[in-house]
Amino acid sequence: MKLPLLVAAGLGMALWSVAATGNPPPCSLLARVVGPEDFEVDASTTPARLLVSSQDRRRPERPGAIFAVDLESGGRRRLPLRGRGRCSFHPHGVSLVPAAVGLAPRLYVVNLHDPDDAVAGCFPSAGEPDAVTSIEIFAVGDDELRFLQRLADPEVLTNANDLVALPSGDFYATNPPGGRLSQLAELTHVPGLERSKVVGFRCRDRDAATGLCSGEFSLTATLGRYANGIAHREAGDGQPERLYVAATGDGLHVLTLGGEKWTQQVRDEQRELETLGGDNLTWADADKTRLLLAVHPDARRFVQHSRTPRAPAPSKVLAVPIASGVETVFEDSGGLISAASTAACVRGTLVLGQVFGHELVRCRRPDLCPPEAEEGAGPPAEGL
C-alpha cells in the first residue's frame, strides 16, 4: 500500500507520513461532500466555516448544491437557495466577498446550466445550448443563501470555470475552451485546442441599498490552453493591480493592469509550472505574498479517475511566492485524496477539496498556514 505523504521542500520540515505511529496523524477527514471542487472560507460565523461548491461530476445531470461545513466539528448542511426559481444549478468556481456596511457577505457562483435553461426564462437572451453559463450572486445568511442576481452574456461568457469577485462589484472569470468535464480528454493533447480567455465584468451602476450592479462583460485577456484558477491582488506599495491565472499546460500567468489595459508577464518558473495541470488558486496569507496552487501532476490518471473512483489520481499543492520560486507543500499518490482541486490555509491548517470524490481533508500545517493570531503578519513581497 502506498502511503500518502506531505512534502515541505525549502520550509525546514522533514517528510511527513500520515502513518506515523505514536502521534495524531497530520491529515484527517474533515467532512464528506460530493465533488467539493471549490470552496471559500466564511469567517463571518463563529466558528468559521467553508462554503463548498458541490457537484457530482460523474453524474452531471444531478443538481448541485452549496454546503456549509463547520471547520471545527466537520458538521455539514446543505444551504437552501432562496428566491432563484427553478433554473438548474450546477456550481463550479465560487468567490466570497466579505460583508460591507449594511450588506451581507456575497457569494459569487459559476453556474453551468442545463441547456433547457436557455429557453426557460432563466436569461434575458438565450445563448447556444452548449454555451449556457452564468454568474449567480447570493447574500450569505447563517442558514441559507438568498438569490440576488444572475449575470450572463452568451457571446462572451461561454464556459466559465473559476472567478474572483471584488468589493466594487467587478469580477473576473476564467473561460476555457470546450464544454463541460465530458471533454477532459482534450487536456491530454495539444492539437485542435482553442486558447482560453479571461473575462471581466465591470460594475457601471450600483444600487446603494442592495449592492446590485448593472454593467457589461468584456474580454480581459487571451492565454493558455485551459485556464482554470484565478486570483486577484490589489494595487499598493508601489505595485500595480494584478491577476494570477493557472492554466493547464501553460503554468501560471500574471496579468498586470496599467491604465485600462491588462498586459501579461512571464515568470522565471513558467517552464517548471507548465508541465502540471494547474487548478484552483488561493492566497496562503492575508498579505497576499504567496499563492497556493493545486495541480494534477498526471493528466492520464486524472482522466481515468474522472471515469471511476477505482482509479485514484495523484494530488499536489504548490506554494508560489509572488516574487519568485515554487515549493511543493503537499503531495499524495491518491490514497488520501484523489485529484485535489483546491487548497486553503485556515488557522494553522491546510484544507483540501477535490474534483470527483467525496472528501474534504485537513492537514495540520502551522509552518505554512499562520495561526489566527499571526495572520496578516509580514511585509508584502516585491516582484511578480
Protein backbone atom coordinates (compact mmCIF):
# COMPACT_ATOMS: atom_id res chain seq x y z
CA MET A 1 0.00 0.00 0.00
CA LYS A 2 1.34 3.44 -0.94
CA LEU A 3 1.42 5.91 1.90
CA PRO A 4 0.22 9.47 1.29
CA LEU A 5 2.98 11.91 2.06
CA LEU A 6 3.33 15.56 2.86
CA VAL A 7 6.35 17.34 1.47
CA ALA A 8 7.54 20.78 2.50
CA ALA A 9 10.58 21.48 0.40
CA GLY A 10 12.50 24.53 1.44
CA LEU A 11 10.36 25.14 4.52
CA GLY A 12 12.67 23.48 7.02
CA MET A 13 10.40 20.48 7.53
CA ALA A 14 11.03 16.77 7.36
CA LEU A 15 8.96 14.48 5.19
CA TRP A 16 5.63 13.63 6.84
CA SER A 17 3.79 10.35 6.60
CA VAL A 18 0.19 10.02 7.71
CA ALA A 19 1.04 6.56 9.03
CA ALA A 20 3.37 7.92 11.72
CA THR A 21 2.87 5.96 14.94
CA GLY A 22 2.54 7.39 18.42
CA ASN A 23 1.24 10.78 17.24
CA PRO A 24 -2.03 12.05 15.84
CA PRO A 25 -1.95 11.87 12.03
CA PRO A 26 -1.13 15.22 10.40
CA CYS A 27 -4.05 14.80 7.98
CA SER A 28 -7.63 13.71 8.63
CA LEU A 29 -11.06 13.75 7.06
CA LEU A 30 -12.94 16.99 7.71
CA ALA A 31 -16.25 16.13 6.02
CA ARG A 32 -17.80 14.16 3.18
CA VAL A 33 -19.38 16.24 0.41
CA VAL A 34 -19.71 15.01 -3.16
CA GLY A 35 -17.48 16.81 -5.67
CA PRO A 36 -16.14 19.62 -3.43
CA GLU A 37 -14.20 21.17 -6.32
CA ASP A 38 -14.01 24.69 -4.86
CA PHE A 39 -14.78 26.39 -1.57
CA GLU A 40 -14.44 29.69 0.26
CA VAL A 41 -13.69 30.32 3.94
CA ASP A 42 -16.54 32.25 5.57
CA ALA A 43 -15.21 33.95 8.71
CA SER A 44 -18.43 35.86 9.37
CA THR A 45 -19.74 32.99 11.52
CA THR A 46 -18.44 31.54 14.79
CA PRO A 47 -16.83 29.11 14.31
CA ALA A 48 -15.68 29.81 10.77
CA ARG A 49 -16.98 27.55 8.04
CA LEU A 50 -16.42 26.53 4.45
CA LEU A 51 -18.92 27.36 1.74
CA VAL A 52 -18.43 24.42 -0.60
CA SER A 53 -19.37 24.15 -4.27
CA SER A 54 -20.70 20.59 -4.60
CA GLN A 55 -21.48 18.77 -7.84
CA ASP A 56 -21.41 15.06 -8.69
CA ARG A 57 -19.30 15.35 -11.84
CA ARG A 58 -19.55 11.69 -12.69
CA ARG A 59 -23.33 12.17 -12.81
CA PRO A 60 -23.54 15.75 -14.11
CA GLU A 61 -27.30 15.55 -14.68
CA ARG A 62 -27.83 15.61 -10.91
CA PRO A 63 -28.36 19.04 -9.34
CA GLY A 64 -25.52 20.59 -7.41
CA ALA A 65 -25.56 22.45 -4.11
CA ILE A 66 -23.70 24.76 -1.77
CA PHE A 67 -22.82 23.20 1.59
CA ALA A 68 -21.72 24.89 4.80
CA VAL A 69 -19.05 22.85 6.60
CA ASP A 70 -18.11 23.69 10.20
CA LEU A 71 -14.32 23.97 10.36
CA GLU A 72 -14.20 22.74 13.96
CA SER A 73 -16.65 19.86 14.07
CA GLY A 74 -16.80 18.98 10.38
CA GLY A 75 -20.59 19.15 10.54
CA ARG A 76 -22.21 19.98 7.22
CA ARG A 77 -25.54 21.21 5.99
CA ARG A 78 -26.92 21.96 2.57
CA LEU A 79 -27.84 25.64 2.31
CA PRO A 80 -31.25 26.37 0.73
CA LEU A 81 -31.09 28.67 -2.30
CA ARG A 82 -33.94 31.09 -1.70
CA GLY A 83 -35.62 33.06 -4.46
CA ARG A 84 -33.76 31.78 -7.53
CA GLY A 85 -36.65 30.00 -9.22
CA ARG A 86 -36.49 26.64 -10.99
CA CYS A 87 -33.40 27.17 -13.14
CA SER A 88 -30.88 24.34 -12.97
CA PHE A 89 -27.93 24.60 -10.58
CA HIS A 90 -24.54 23.06 -11.35
CA PRO A 91 -21.97 25.11 -9.43
CA HIS A 92 -18.27 25.23 -10.19
CA GLY A 93 -15.95 28.03 -9.03
CA VAL A 94 -17.02 30.28 -6.14
CA SER A 95 -15.78 33.58 -4.73
CA LEU A 96 -16.81 35.25 -1.46
CA VAL A 97 -16.90 39.00 -0.88
CA PRO A 98 -16.92 39.85 2.86
CA ALA A 99 -19.76 41.82 4.40
CA ALA A 100 -19.81 45.58 3.79
CA VAL A 101 -21.69 48.22 5.79
CA GLY A 102 -25.37 47.36 5.58
CA LEU A 103 -24.77 44.37 3.29
CA ALA A 104 -24.39 40.66 3.98
CA PRO A 105 -21.43 38.73 2.56
CA ARG A 106 -21.87 37.93 -1.13
CA LEU A 107 -21.15 34.55 -2.69
CA TYR A 108 -20.48 34.58 -6.44
CA VAL A 109 -21.04 31.19 -8.10
CA VAL A 110 -20.22 29.92 -11.59
CA ASN A 111 -23.33 28.03 -12.71
CA LEU A 112 -23.08 25.64 -15.69
CA HIS A 113 -26.76 25.45 -16.61
CA ASP A 114 -28.70 22.69 -18.28
CA PRO A 115 -29.32 23.53 -21.98
CA ASP A 116 -33.07 23.83 -21.37
CA ASP A 117 -32.48 26.90 -19.20
CA ALA A 118 -31.73 28.90 -22.36
CA VAL A 119 -35.42 28.75 -23.32
CA ALA A 120 -36.92 28.58 -19.84
CA GLY A 121 -36.74 32.26 -18.94
CA CYS A 122 -33.52 31.98 -16.96
CA PHE A 123 -31.68 34.54 -19.10
CA PRO A 124 -32.53 37.88 -20.66
CA SER A 125 -31.50 36.38 -24.00
CA ALA A 126 -30.91 32.77 -24.97
CA GLY A 127 -27.47 31.52 -25.96
CA GLU A 128 -26.46 28.39 -27.77
CA PRO A 129 -27.48 25.18 -25.94
CA ASP A 130 -23.85 24.30 -25.18
CA ALA A 131 -22.97 27.82 -24.01
CA VAL A 132 -25.32 28.39 -21.10
CA THR A 133 -23.20 29.75 -18.30
CA SER A 134 -23.93 32.41 -15.70
CA ILE A 135 -22.56 34.02 -12.59
CA GLU A 136 -25.10 33.90 -9.76
CA ILE A 137 -24.80 36.15 -6.73
CA PHE A 138 -26.21 35.27 -3.30
CA ALA A 139 -26.49 37.09 0.02
CA VAL A 140 -24.99 34.75 2.61
CA GLY A 141 -27.06 34.07 5.72
CA ASP A 142 -26.36 31.73 8.62
CA ASP A 143 -28.73 29.07 7.31
CA GLU A 144 -29.47 29.99 3.70
CA LEU A 145 -28.31 31.71 0.55
CA ARG A 146 -30.66 34.38 -0.81
CA PHE A 147 -30.55 34.82 -4.57
CA LEU A 148 -29.78 38.37 -5.68
CA GLN A 149 -28.74 38.42 -9.31
CA ARG A 150 -27.84 36.31 -12.35
CA LEU A 151 -25.36 37.76 -14.85
CA ALA A 152 -24.78 36.20 -18.26
CA ASP A 153 -23.51 37.04 -21.71
CA PRO A 154 -23.63 34.03 -24.06
CA GLU A 155 -21.30 35.73 -26.55
CA VAL A 156 -18.52 36.49 -24.05
CA LEU A 157 -19.03 34.15 -21.08
CA THR A 158 -19.38 30.76 -22.75
CA ASN A 159 -17.79 28.23 -20.39
CA ALA A 160 -16.73 29.79 -17.08
CA ASN A 161 -14.57 27.74 -14.74
CA ASP A 162 -13.46 29.89 -11.79
CA LEU A 163 -13.88 33.51 -10.76
CA VAL A 164 -12.68 36.14 -8.33
CA ALA A 165 -15.09 38.85 -7.16
CA LEU A 166 -14.11 42.27 -5.82
CA PRO A 167 -15.86 44.52 -3.26
CA SER A 168 -16.56 47.03 -6.05
CA GLY A 169 -18.93 44.61 -7.77
CA ASP A 170 -16.44 43.86 -10.54
CA PHE A 171 -15.30 40.27 -11.08
CA TYR A 172 -13.07 38.25 -13.38
CA ALA A 173 -13.72 34.72 -14.63
CA THR A 174 -11.64 32.16 -16.50
CA ASN A 175 -13.30 30.96 -19.68
CA PRO A 176 -11.52 27.83 -21.02
CA PRO A 177 -12.33 26.23 -24.39
CA GLY A 178 -14.78 23.41 -24.86
CA GLY A 179 -17.78 22.27 -22.88
CA ARG A 180 -18.06 20.53 -19.55
CA LEU A 181 -15.93 17.86 -17.96
CA SER A 182 -17.01 15.32 -20.59
CA GLN A 183 -14.21 16.88 -22.68
CA LEU A 184 -11.46 16.28 -20.13
CA ALA A 185 -9.62 14.13 -22.65
CA GLU A 186 -8.83 17.32 -24.57
CA LEU A 187 -6.44 18.29 -21.81
CA THR A 188 -4.10 15.42 -22.63
CA HIS A 189 -3.12 16.60 -26.10
CA VAL A 190 -2.35 19.89 -27.82
CA PRO A 191 -3.75 19.67 -31.39
CA GLY A 192 -7.02 21.47 -32.01
CA LEU A 193 -7.34 23.21 -28.66
CA GLU A 194 -8.54 26.76 -28.70
CA ARG A 195 -6.96 29.35 -26.47
CA SER A 196 -8.52 30.28 -23.16
CA LYS A 197 -9.92 33.63 -22.18
CA VAL A 198 -10.19 35.71 -19.05
CA VAL A 199 -13.49 37.59 -18.98
CA GLY A 200 -14.17 40.65 -16.85
CA PHE A 201 -17.40 42.18 -15.60
CA ARG A 202 -17.32 45.92 -14.90
CA CYS A 203 -19.93 47.27 -12.47
CA ARG A 204 -21.10 50.53 -14.05
CA ASP A 205 -24.06 51.36 -11.85
CA ARG A 206 -24.52 50.05 -8.30
CA ASP A 207 -27.62 50.34 -6.15
CA ALA A 208 -26.52 51.64 -2.73
CA ALA A 209 -29.35 49.88 -0.89
CA THR A 210 -28.94 46.42 -2.40
CA GLY A 211 -25.38 46.46 -3.69
CA LEU A 212 -26.58 45.05 -7.03
CA CYS A 213 -24.73 46.08 -10.18
CA SER A 214 -25.56 46.69 -13.79
CA GLY A 215 -22.68 46.59 -16.23
CA GLU A 216 -21.19 44.55 -19.02
CA PHE A 217 -18.82 41.69 -19.75
CA SER A 218 -15.69 42.16 -21.84
CA LEU A 219 -12.59 40.21 -22.82
CA THR A 220 -9.69 40.85 -20.43
CA ALA A 221 -7.03 38.56 -21.93
CA THR A 222 -6.49 35.53 -24.15
CA LEU A 223 -3.99 32.99 -22.85
CA GLY A 224 -3.12 29.38 -22.33
CA ARG A 225 -4.55 26.01 -23.23
CA TYR A 226 -7.04 25.59 -20.40
CA ALA A 227 -7.40 28.50 -17.98
CA ASN A 228 -8.63 27.40 -14.57
CA GLY A 229 -7.98 29.09 -11.21
CA ILE A 230 -7.79 32.86 -10.83
CA ALA A 231 -6.68 35.18 -8.00
CA HIS A 232 -6.53 38.96 -7.61
CA ARG A 233 -4.08 41.25 -5.85
CA GLU A 234 -4.91 44.90 -5.25
CA ALA A 235 -2.57 47.73 -6.19
CA GLY A 236 -0.43 49.02 -3.32
CA ASP A 237 3.08 49.59 -2.03
CA GLY A 238 4.11 50.84 -5.44
CA GLN A 239 2.88 47.67 -7.13
CA PRO A 240 0.11 47.62 -9.78
CA GLU A 241 -3.12 45.64 -9.66
CA ARG A 242 -2.62 42.04 -10.79
CA LEU A 243 -4.49 38.90 -11.79
CA TYR A 244 -2.92 35.45 -11.45
CA VAL A 245 -4.31 32.70 -13.71
CA ALA A 246 -3.46 28.99 -13.55
CA ALA A 247 -3.67 27.22 -16.91
CA THR A 248 -3.20 23.53 -17.66
CA GLY A 249 -0.24 23.10 -19.97
CA ASP A 250 0.91 26.71 -19.60
CA GLY A 251 1.65 27.26 -15.91
CA LEU A 252 0.85 30.44 -14.03
CA HIS A 253 0.07 33.62 -15.97
CA VAL A 254 0.46 37.05 -14.42
CA LEU A 255 -1.66 39.94 -15.75
CA THR A 256 -0.77 43.49 -14.73
CA LEU A 257 -3.15 46.42 -15.05
CA GLY A 258 -1.79 49.62 -16.49
CA GLY A 259 -4.47 52.24 -17.05
CA GLU A 260 -7.34 50.31 -18.61
CA LYS A 261 -5.16 47.64 -20.22
CA TRP A 262 -4.03 44.28 -18.85
CA THR A 263 -0.63 43.02 -20.01
CA GLN A 264 0.95 39.59 -19.46
CA GLN A 265 4.19 38.94 -17.63
CA VAL A 266 6.29 35.78 -17.68
CA ARG A 267 7.59 34.18 -14.50
CA ASP A 268 11.01 32.57 -14.29
CA GLU A 269 9.30 29.35 -13.13
CA GLN A 270 6.93 29.18 -16.11
CA ARG A 271 8.70 26.23 -17.70
CA GLU A 272 8.60 24.29 -14.44
CA LEU A 273 4.90 25.03 -13.92
CA GLU A 274 3.69 24.46 -17.47
CA THR A 275 4.07 20.67 -17.26
CA LEU A 276 1.48 20.45 -14.46
CA GLY A 277 -2.30 20.57 -14.57
CA GLY A 278 -2.97 23.76 -12.67
CA ASP A 279 -6.34 24.01 -10.93
CA ASN A 280 -7.58 26.49 -8.30
CA LEU A 281 -5.58 29.31 -6.72
CA THR A 282 -5.90 30.75 -3.21
CA TRP A 283 -3.80 33.08 -1.09
CA ALA A 284 -1.82 31.44 1.70
CA ASP A 285 -1.67 34.64 3.77
CA ALA A 286 -3.70 37.79 4.34
CA ASP A 287 -0.98 40.00 2.84
CA LYS A 288 -1.16 38.05 -0.43
CA THR A 289 2.54 37.29 -0.68
CA ARG A 290 2.21 33.59 -1.57
CA LEU A 291 -0.28 31.63 -3.64
CA LEU A 292 -1.41 28.06 -3.12
CA LEU A 293 -1.84 26.24 -6.42
CA ALA A 294 -3.47 22.80 -6.56
CA VAL A 295 -2.20 20.80 -9.54
CA HIS A 296 -2.93 17.47 -11.22
CA PRO A 297 0.54 16.06 -11.96
CA ASP A 298 -0.64 13.11 -14.08
CA ALA A 299 -3.22 14.03 -16.75
CA ARG A 300 -3.77 10.41 -17.82
CA ARG A 301 -4.61 9.25 -14.30
CA PHE A 302 -6.78 12.33 -13.77
CA VAL A 303 -8.89 11.41 -16.80
CA GLN A 304 -9.12 7.78 -15.63
CA HIS A 305 -10.21 8.97 -12.19
CA SER A 306 -12.90 11.14 -13.77
CA ARG A 307 -14.49 7.95 -15.06
CA THR A 308 -14.24 5.72 -11.98
CA PRO A 309 -13.31 6.13 -8.31
CA ARG A 310 -11.43 2.82 -8.58
CA ALA A 311 -8.64 4.65 -10.42
CA PRO A 312 -7.02 7.04 -7.91
CA ALA A 313 -5.23 10.14 -9.18
CA PRO A 314 -2.29 11.89 -7.54
CA SER A 315 -2.56 15.31 -5.91
CA LYS A 316 -0.05 18.08 -5.38
CA VAL A 317 -0.17 21.57 -3.89
CA LEU A 318 2.47 24.20 -4.64
CA ALA A 319 3.28 27.35 -2.72
CA VAL A 320 4.20 30.07 -5.21
CA PRO A 321 5.61 33.33 -3.80
CA ILE A 322 4.62 36.33 -5.91
CA ALA A 323 8.27 37.38 -6.17
CA SER A 324 9.81 34.13 -7.42
CA GLY A 325 10.19 30.46 -6.62
CA VAL A 326 7.92 27.47 -6.20
CA GLU A 327 7.73 24.85 -3.41
CA THR A 328 5.85 21.58 -3.13
CA VAL A 329 3.93 21.71 0.17
CA PHE A 330 1.62 18.70 -0.27
CA GLU A 331 1.89 15.55 -2.35
CA ASP A 332 -0.22 12.41 -2.31
CA SER A 333 -0.43 9.39 -4.61
CA GLY A 334 -4.22 9.22 -4.33
CA GLY A 335 -4.51 7.15 -1.16
CA LEU A 336 -5.53 10.11 0.99
CA ILE A 337 -7.20 12.36 -1.58
CA SER A 338 -7.51 11.95 -5.34
CA ALA A 339 -7.37 14.85 -7.79
CA ALA A 340 -7.18 17.60 -5.18
CA SER A 341 -8.50 20.75 -6.83
CA THR A 342 -8.16 23.48 -4.23
CA ALA A 343 -6.20 24.18 -1.05
CA ALA A 344 -6.64 26.93 1.53
CA CYS A 345 -4.95 27.98 4.74
CA VAL A 346 -7.24 28.24 7.76
CA ARG A 347 -5.77 28.96 11.21
CA GLY A 348 -2.76 26.69 11.05
CA THR A 349 -4.48 24.10 8.88
CA LEU A 350 -4.30 23.28 5.18
CA VAL A 351 -7.76 22.31 3.88
CA LEU A 352 -8.11 20.40 0.60
CA GLY A 353 -11.02 19.78 -1.77
CA GLN A 354 -11.24 17.53 -4.85
CA VAL A 355 -12.98 17.37 -8.21
CA PHE A 356 -14.72 14.00 -8.21
CA GLY A 357 -14.57 12.33 -4.81
CA HIS A 358 -16.37 12.98 -1.54
CA GLU A 359 -13.62 14.03 0.85
CA LEU A 360 -12.63 17.35 2.33
CA VAL A 361 -9.28 16.80 4.05
CA ARG A 362 -7.45 18.94 6.60
CA CYS A 363 -3.75 18.79 7.50
CA ARG A 364 -2.01 20.44 10.44
CA ARG A 365 0.40 22.93 8.85
CA PRO A 366 1.26 25.84 11.21
CA ASP A 367 4.55 26.27 9.33
CA LEU A 368 2.70 27.01 6.08
CA CYS A 369 -0.61 28.40 7.33
CA PRO A 370 -0.27 31.02 10.08
CA PRO A 371 -2.42 30.54 13.18
CA GLU A 372 -5.17 33.12 13.58
CA ALA A 373 -3.09 35.45 15.76
CA GLU A 374 -0.35 35.61 13.12
CA GLU A 375 -2.48 36.06 10.03
CA GLY A 376 -1.55 39.14 8.07
CA ALA A 377 1.94 39.41 9.57
CA GLY A 378 4.89 40.31 7.41
CA PRO A 379 5.56 42.89 4.71
CA PRO A 380 4.34 42.44 1.13
CA ALA A 381 6.82 40.84 -1.25
CA GLU A 382 8.21 42.61 -4.27
CA GLY A 383 8.22 41.47 -7.90
CA LEU A 384 5.60 39.48 -9.78
